[in-house]
Amino acid sequence: MSAQPLTPSGRVTNLNLERMLSPEKFKAAFRNHPAGVAVITAEGPDGPAGMTVSSVISVSAEPPLLVFSLSSASGATQALSKAGTVVIHLLGADQVELARTFATSGIDRFANVKWTRLPTGEPVLPASPVWMRGYIVESMTAGSSTVVAVQVVDAQIPDANEQPGNPLVYHSRVWHHLGDHSRIDF
């Protein structure tokens, strides 16, 4: 195996595409890695846009930053990636129908769900136990997706005394929920 040319920062400059892992094997590897489920919404040029994602991760607490990726296969990607602001809804297990609706292609995803607008204009799903509104501060094309970085400026979070409910998780092409039944004590 020959060494790949590197930049001064140590990054590979010339990838051998014949040696890449197949998309099928890559998807199979991640199928066994559970992820939280979120719906991203924004005001698009033709009205509200939204999609279900399982790629939201926190990046920094100071300033509060998160990232997510948008698949190029989704019809909502263009509107979401061009928006100045987005709302990230972290879904609970009782919002599985909401997740399914926003994961379905070719429909008006807002037609049969309860939603409203924030005072700043973005569409928000009040059934979501946690939502965060933020400004898109960076985006980049990464393969067939767009990675979006968001600085969070507002949020709805349950009070400390409130039970937030069990989170919705996606694993091996199936919706799951976490709760006391799945707790591992040491």
C-alpha atoms as a PDB file:
ATOM      1  CA  MET A   1       0.000   0.000   0.000  1.00  0.00           C
ATOM      2  CA  SER A   2       1.517   3.312  -1.030  1.00  0.00           C
ATOM      3  CA  ALA A   3       1.381   6.395   1.176  1.00  0.00           C
ATOM      4  CA  GLN A   4      -1.105   9.128   0.268  1.00  0.00           C
ATOM      5  CA  PRO A   5       0.272  12.645  -0.377  1.00  0.00           C
ATOM      6  CA  LEU A   6      -0.333  14.905   2.641  1.00  0.00           C
ATOM      7  CA  THR A   7      -0.788  18.652   3.109  1.00  0.00           C
ATOM      8  CA  PRO A   8       1.312  20.500   5.721  1.00  0.00           C
ATOM      9  CA  SER A   9      -1.618  19.990   8.150  1.00  0.00           C
ATOM     10  CA  GLY A  10      -1.359  16.223   7.645  1.00  0.00           C
ATOM     11  CA  ARG A  11      -4.500  15.808   5.539  1.00  0.00           C
ATOM     12  CA  VAL A  12      -4.647  13.490   2.544  1.00  0.00           C
ATOM     13  CA  THR A  13      -4.623  15.447  -0.711  1.00  0.00           C
ATOM     14  CA  ASN A  14      -5.266  12.724  -3.276  1.00  0.00           C
ATOM     15  CA  LEU A  15      -7.796  10.068  -2.278  1.00  0.00           C
ATOM     16  CA  ASN A  16      -7.802   6.760  -4.097  1.00  0.00           C
ATOM     17  CA  LEU A  17     -11.493   6.418  -4.928  1.00  0.00           C
ATOM     18  CA  GLU A  18     -11.067   2.759  -5.875  1.00  0.00           C
ATOM     19  CA  ARG A  19     -10.174   1.985  -2.256  1.00  0.00           C
ATOM     20  CA  MET A  20     -13.211   3.700  -0.723  1.00  0.00           C
ATOM     21  CA  LEU A  21     -15.685   1.749   1.338  1.00  0.00           C
ATOM     22  CA  SER A  22     -18.894   1.108  -0.596  1.00  0.00           C
ATOM     23  CA  PRO A  23     -21.945   3.208   0.318  1.00  0.00           C
ATOM     24  CA  GLU A  24     -23.777  -0.006   1.286  1.00  0.00           C
ATOM     25  CA  LYS A  25     -21.073  -1.047   3.771  1.00  0.00           C
ATOM     26  CA  PHE A  26     -20.847   2.484   5.174  1.00  0.00           C
ATOM     27  CA  LYS A  27     -24.627   2.577   5.737  1.00  0.00           C
ATOM     28  CA  ALA A  28     -24.521  -0.899   7.313  1.00  0.00           C
ATOM     29  CA  ALA A  29     -21.833   0.231   9.756  1.00  0.00           C
ATOM     30  CA  PHE A  30     -23.880   3.221  10.894  1.00  0.00           C
ATOM     31  CA  ARG A  31     -27.099   1.205  11.046  1.00  0.00           C
ATOM     32  CA  ASN A  32     -25.796  -0.211  14.334  1.00  0.00           C
ATOM     33  CA  HIS A  33     -25.000   3.217  15.765  1.00  0.00           C
ATOM     34  CA  PRO A  34     -28.101   4.711  17.421  1.00  0.00           C
ATOM     35  CA  ALA A  35     -28.844   8.399  17.011  1.00  0.00           C
ATOM     36  CA  GLY A  36     -31.294  10.872  18.471  1.00  0.00           C
ATOM     37  CA  VAL A  37     -34.062  12.051  16.172  1.00  0.00           C
ATOM     38  CA  ALA A  38     -34.758  15.701  15.381  1.00  0.00           C
ATOM     39  CA  VAL A  39     -36.849  17.717  12.956  1.00  0.00           C
ATOM     40  CA  ILE A  40     -35.255  20.802  11.422  1.00  0.00           C
ATOM     41  CA  THR A  41     -37.621  23.568  10.266  1.00  0.00           C
ATOM     42  CA  ALA A  42     -37.116  26.917   8.572  1.00  0.00           C
ATOM     43  CA  GLU A  43     -38.984  29.457   6.530  1.00  0.00           C
ATOM     44  CA  GLY A  44     -38.131  28.697   2.924  1.00  0.00           C
ATOM     45  CA  PRO A  45     -38.723  30.809  -0.181  1.00  0.00           C
ATOM     46  CA  ASP A  46     -41.995  28.929  -0.826  1.00  0.00           C
ATOM     47  CA  GLY A  47     -43.178  28.666   2.778  1.00  0.00           C
ATOM     48  CA  PRO A  48     -42.231  26.451   5.707  1.00  0.00           C
ATOM     49  CA  ALA A  49     -39.750  23.636   5.071  1.00  0.00           C
ATOM     50  CA  GLY A  50     -38.660  20.795   7.306  1.00  0.00           C
ATOM     51  CA  MET A  51     -37.117  17.354   7.483  1.00  0.00           C
ATOM     52  CA  THR A  52     -36.264  14.605   9.964  1.00  0.00           C
ATOM     53  CA  VAL A  53     -32.568  14.098  10.734  1.00  0.00           C
ATOM     54  CA  SER A  54     -30.546  11.869  13.028  1.00  0.00           C
ATOM     55  CA  SER A  55     -27.322  13.836  12.714  1.00  0.00           C
ATOM     56  CA  VAL A  56     -27.651  16.644  15.285  1.00  0.00           C
ATOM     57  CA  ILE A  57     -24.639  16.934  17.600  1.00  0.00           C
ATOM     58  CA  SER A  58     -23.549  19.576  20.046  1.00  0.00           C
ATOM     59  CA  VAL A  59     -20.185  21.120  19.237  1.00  0.00           C
ATOM     60  CA  SER A  60     -19.599  23.882  21.776  1.00  0.00           C
ATOM     61  CA  ALA A  61     -21.295  25.272  24.889  1.00  0.00           C
ATOM     62  CA  GLU A  62     -19.492  28.645  24.630  1.00  0.00           C
ATOM     63  CA  PRO A  63     -20.722  29.834  22.223  1.00  0.00           C
ATOM     64  CA  PRO A  64     -23.634  27.364  21.941  1.00  0.00           C
ATOM     65  CA  LEU A  65     -23.056  25.626  18.600  1.00  0.00           C
ATOM     66  CA  LEU A  66     -24.497  22.506  17.022  1.00  0.00           C
ATOM     67  CA  VAL A  67     -24.167  20.836  13.643  1.00  0.00           C
ATOM     68  CA  PHE A  68     -26.374  18.597  11.526  1.00  0.00           C
ATOM     69  CA  SER A  69     -26.289  17.260   8.003  1.00  0.00           C
ATOM     70  CA  LEU A  70     -28.855  17.560   5.241  1.00  0.00           C
ATOM     71  CA  SER A  71     -29.132  14.804   2.647  1.00  0.00           C
ATOM     72  CA  SER A  72     -29.132  15.928  -0.962  1.00  0.00           C
ATOM     73  CA  ALA A  73     -31.920  13.383  -1.540  1.00  0.00           C
ATOM     74  CA  SER A  74     -34.409  15.458   0.467  1.00  0.00           C
ATOM     75  CA  GLY A  75     -36.558  18.055  -1.239  1.00  0.00           C
ATOM     76  CA  ALA A  76     -36.264  20.277   1.861  1.00  0.00           C
ATOM     77  CA  THR A  77     -32.456  20.481   1.780  1.00  0.00           C
ATOM     78  CA  GLN A  78     -32.216  23.483  -0.534  1.00  0.00           C
ATOM     79  CA  ALA A  79     -34.674  25.582   1.497  1.00  0.00           C
ATOM     80  CA  LEU A  80     -33.113  24.608   4.839  1.00  0.00           C
ATOM     81  CA  SER A  81     -29.517  25.161   3.747  1.00  0.00           C
ATOM     82  CA  LYS A  82     -30.330  28.622   2.336  1.00  0.00           C
ATOM     83  CA  ALA A  83     -32.291  29.804   5.379  1.00  0.00           C
ATOM     84  CA  GLY A  84     -30.689  32.333   7.696  1.00  0.00           C
ATOM     85  CA  THR A  85     -32.218  30.722  10.779  1.00  0.00           C
ATOM     86  CA  VAL A  86     -33.517  27.254  11.641  1.00  0.00           C
ATOM     87  CA  VAL A  87     -35.364  25.572  14.486  1.00  0.00           C
ATOM     88  CA  ILE A  88     -34.030  22.233  15.701  1.00  0.00           C
ATOM     89  CA  HIS A  89     -36.684  20.099  17.442  1.00  0.00           C
ATOM     90  CA  LEU A  90     -35.315  17.256  19.609  1.00  0.00           C
ATOM     91  CA  LEU A  91     -38.087  14.674  19.548  1.00  0.00           C
ATOM     92  CA  GLY A  92     -39.467  12.521  22.316  1.00  0.00           C
ATOM     93  CA  ALA A  93     -40.684   8.959  21.814  1.00  0.00           C
ATOM     94  CA  ASP A  94     -44.286  10.181  21.692  1.00  0.00           C
ATOM     95  CA  GLN A  95     -43.445  12.242  18.566  1.00  0.00           C
ATOM     96  CA  VAL A  96     -42.667   9.255  16.311  1.00  0.00           C
ATOM     97  CA  GLU A  97     -45.522  10.213  13.943  1.00  0.00           C
ATOM     98  CA  LEU A  98     -44.031  13.692  13.640  1.00  0.00           C
ATOM     99  CA  ALA A  99     -40.660  12.123  12.782  1.00  0.00           C
ATOM    100  CA  ARG A 100     -42.285   9.881  10.169  1.00  0.00           C
ATOM    101  CA  THR A 101     -44.183  12.777   8.610  1.00  0.00           C
ATOM    102  CA  PHE A 102     -41.057  14.922   8.218  1.00  0.00           C
ATOM    103  CA  ALA A 103     -39.136  11.909   6.853  1.00  0.00           C
ATOM    104  CA  THR A 104     -41.723  11.296   4.105  1.00  0.00           C
ATOM    105  CA  SER A 105     -40.907  12.573   0.621  1.00  0.00           C
ATOM    106  CA  GLY A 106     -43.348  14.143  -1.779  1.00  0.00           C
ATOM    107  CA  ILE A 107     -45.892  15.447   0.758  1.00  0.00           C
ATOM    108  CA  ASP A 108     -46.696  18.764   2.382  1.00  0.00           C
ATOM    109  CA  ARG A 109     -45.053  17.976   5.710  1.00  0.00           C
ATOM    110  CA  PHE A 110     -46.867  20.818   7.480  1.00  0.00           C
ATOM    111  CA  ALA A 111     -50.375  19.955   6.189  1.00  0.00           C
ATOM    112  CA  ASN A 112     -51.492  17.631   8.973  1.00  0.00           C
ATOM    113  CA  VAL A 113     -49.289  18.583  11.928  1.00  0.00           C
ATOM    114  CA  LYS A 114     -49.778  21.206  14.605  1.00  0.00           C
ATOM    115  CA  TRP A 115     -47.340  24.043  14.055  1.00  0.00           C
ATOM    116  CA  THR A 116     -47.106  27.758  14.613  1.00  0.00           C
ATOM    117  CA  ARG A 117     -44.613  30.549  14.012  1.00  0.00           C
ATOM    118  CA  LEU A 118     -42.176  32.028  16.459  1.00  0.00           C
ATOM    119  CA  PRO A 119     -42.291  35.843  16.790  1.00  0.00           C
ATOM    120  CA  THR A 120     -39.176  35.814  14.567  1.00  0.00           C
ATOM    121  CA  GLY A 121     -41.102  34.002  11.777  1.00  0.00           C
ATOM    122  CA  GLU A 122     -39.709  30.457  11.830  1.00  0.00           C
ATOM    123  CA  PRO A 123     -42.106  27.504  11.884  1.00  0.00           C
ATOM    124  CA  VAL A 124     -42.068  25.674  15.233  1.00  0.00           C
ATOM    125  CA  LEU A 125     -43.613  22.357  16.303  1.00  0.00           C
ATOM    126  CA  PRO A 126     -45.053  22.931  19.806  1.00  0.00           C
ATOM    127  CA  ALA A 127     -45.353  19.167  20.486  1.00  0.00           C
ATOM    128  CA  SER A 128     -41.556  18.915  20.614  1.00  0.00           C
ATOM    129  CA  PRO A 129     -40.328  18.824  24.235  1.00  0.00           C
ATOM    130  CA  VAL A 130     -37.152  20.721  23.300  1.00  0.00           C
ATOM    131  CA  TRP A 131     -36.513  23.103  20.446  1.00  0.00           C
ATOM    132  CA  MET A 132     -33.639  25.467  19.721  1.00  0.00           C
ATOM    133  CA  ARG A 133     -33.594  28.407  17.304  1.00  0.00           C
ATOM    134  CA  GLY A 134     -30.348  29.555  15.818  1.00  0.00           C
ATOM    135  CA  TYR A 135     -28.477  31.296  13.044  1.00  0.00           C
ATOM    136  CA  ILE A 136     -26.707  29.282  10.380  1.00  0.00           C
ATOM    137  CA  VAL A 137     -23.089  30.383  10.778  1.00  0.00           C
ATOM    138  CA  GLU A 138     -21.406  27.962   8.375  1.00  0.00           C
ATOM    139  CA  SER A 139     -22.271  25.271   5.859  1.00  0.00           C
ATOM    140  CA  MET A 140     -20.208  23.075   3.618  1.00  0.00           C
ATOM    141  CA  THR A 141     -20.773  20.402   1.034  1.00  0.00           C
ATOM    142  CA  ALA A 142     -19.575  17.041   2.289  1.00  0.00           C
ATOM    143  CA  GLY A 143     -20.042  14.256  -0.243  1.00  0.00           C
ATOM    144  CA  SER A 144     -23.747  14.039  -1.057  1.00  0.00           C
ATOM    145  CA  SER A 145     -24.762  16.065   2.009  1.00  0.00           C
ATOM    146  CA  THR A 146     -24.542  19.581   3.377  1.00  0.00           C
ATOM    147  CA  VAL A 147     -23.138  20.008   6.891  1.00  0.00           C
ATOM    148  CA  VAL A 148     -24.669  22.993   8.688  1.00  0.00           C
ATOM    149  CA  ALA A 149     -23.337  24.740  11.806  1.00  0.00           C
ATOM    150  CA  VAL A 150     -25.829  26.700  13.906  1.00  0.00           C
ATOM    151  CA  GLN A 151     -25.268  29.160  16.751  1.00  0.00           C
ATOM    152  CA  VAL A 152     -28.207  28.727  19.123  1.00  0.00           C
ATOM    153  CA  VAL A 153     -29.812  31.938  20.373  1.00  0.00           C
ATOM    154  CA  ASP A 154     -33.114  30.741  21.861  1.00  0.00           C
ATOM    155  CA  ALA A 155     -34.592  27.507  23.210  1.00  0.00           C
ATOM    156  CA  GLN A 156     -37.600  25.888  24.790  1.00  0.00           C
ATOM    157  CA  ILE A 157     -36.407  23.461  27.441  1.00  0.00           C
ATOM    158  CA  PRO A 158     -38.507  21.728  30.118  1.00  0.00           C
ATOM    159  CA  ASP A 159     -38.161  23.133  33.641  1.00  0.00           C
ATOM    160  CA  ALA A 160     -35.890  21.185  35.994  1.00  0.00           C
ATOM    161  CA  ASN A 161     -38.988  19.842  37.835  1.00  0.00           C
ATOM    162  CA  GLU A 162     -40.654  18.648  34.604  1.00  0.00           C
ATOM    163  CA  GLN A 163     -40.102  15.170  33.248  1.00  0.00           C
ATOM    164  CA  PRO A 164     -38.885  15.689  29.665  1.00  0.00           C
ATOM    165  CA  GLY A 165     -40.100  12.257  28.508  1.00  0.00           C
ATOM    166  CA  ASN A 166     -38.167   9.551  26.772  1.00  0.00           C
ATOM    167  CA  PRO A 167     -36.105  10.562  23.733  1.00  0.00           C
ATOM    168  CA  LEU A 168     -36.776   9.144  20.276  1.00  0.00           C
ATOM    169  CA  VAL A 169     -33.841   7.189  18.852  1.00  0.00           C
ATOM    170  CA  TYR A 170     -33.252   5.690  15.410  1.00  0.00           C
ATOM    171  CA  HIS A 171     -31.298   2.419  15.261  1.00  0.00           C
ATOM    172  CA  SER A 172     -31.038  -0.246  12.561  1.00  0.00           C
ATOM    173  CA  ARG A 173     -33.885   1.297  10.522  1.00  0.00           C
ATOM    174  CA  VAL A 174     -36.295   1.178  13.494  1.00  0.00           C
ATOM    175  CA  TRP A 175     -37.593   3.860  15.881  1.00  0.00           C
ATOM    176  CA  HIS A 176     -36.802   3.237  19.584  1.00  0.00           C
ATOM    177  CA  HIS A 177     -37.156   5.064  22.865  1.00  0.00           C
ATOM    178  CA  LEU A 178     -34.779   5.321  25.767  1.00  0.00           C
ATOM    179  CA  GLY A 179     -36.039   5.134  29.321  1.00  0.00           C
ATOM    180  CA  ASP A 180     -35.570   3.405  32.646  1.00  0.00           C
ATOM    181  CA  HIS A 181     -35.965   0.031  30.872  1.00  0.00           C
ATOM    182  CA  SER A 182     -32.763   0.687  28.903  1.00  0.00           C
ATOM    183  CA  ARG A 183     -30.681   2.100  31.774  1.00  0.00           C
ATOM    184  CA  ILE A 184     -27.379   0.410  32.593  1.00  0.00           C
ATOM    185  CA  ASP A 185     -26.199   0.946  36.156  1.00  0.00           C
ATOM    186  CA  PHE A 186     -22.589   0.486  37.203  1.00  0.00           C
END
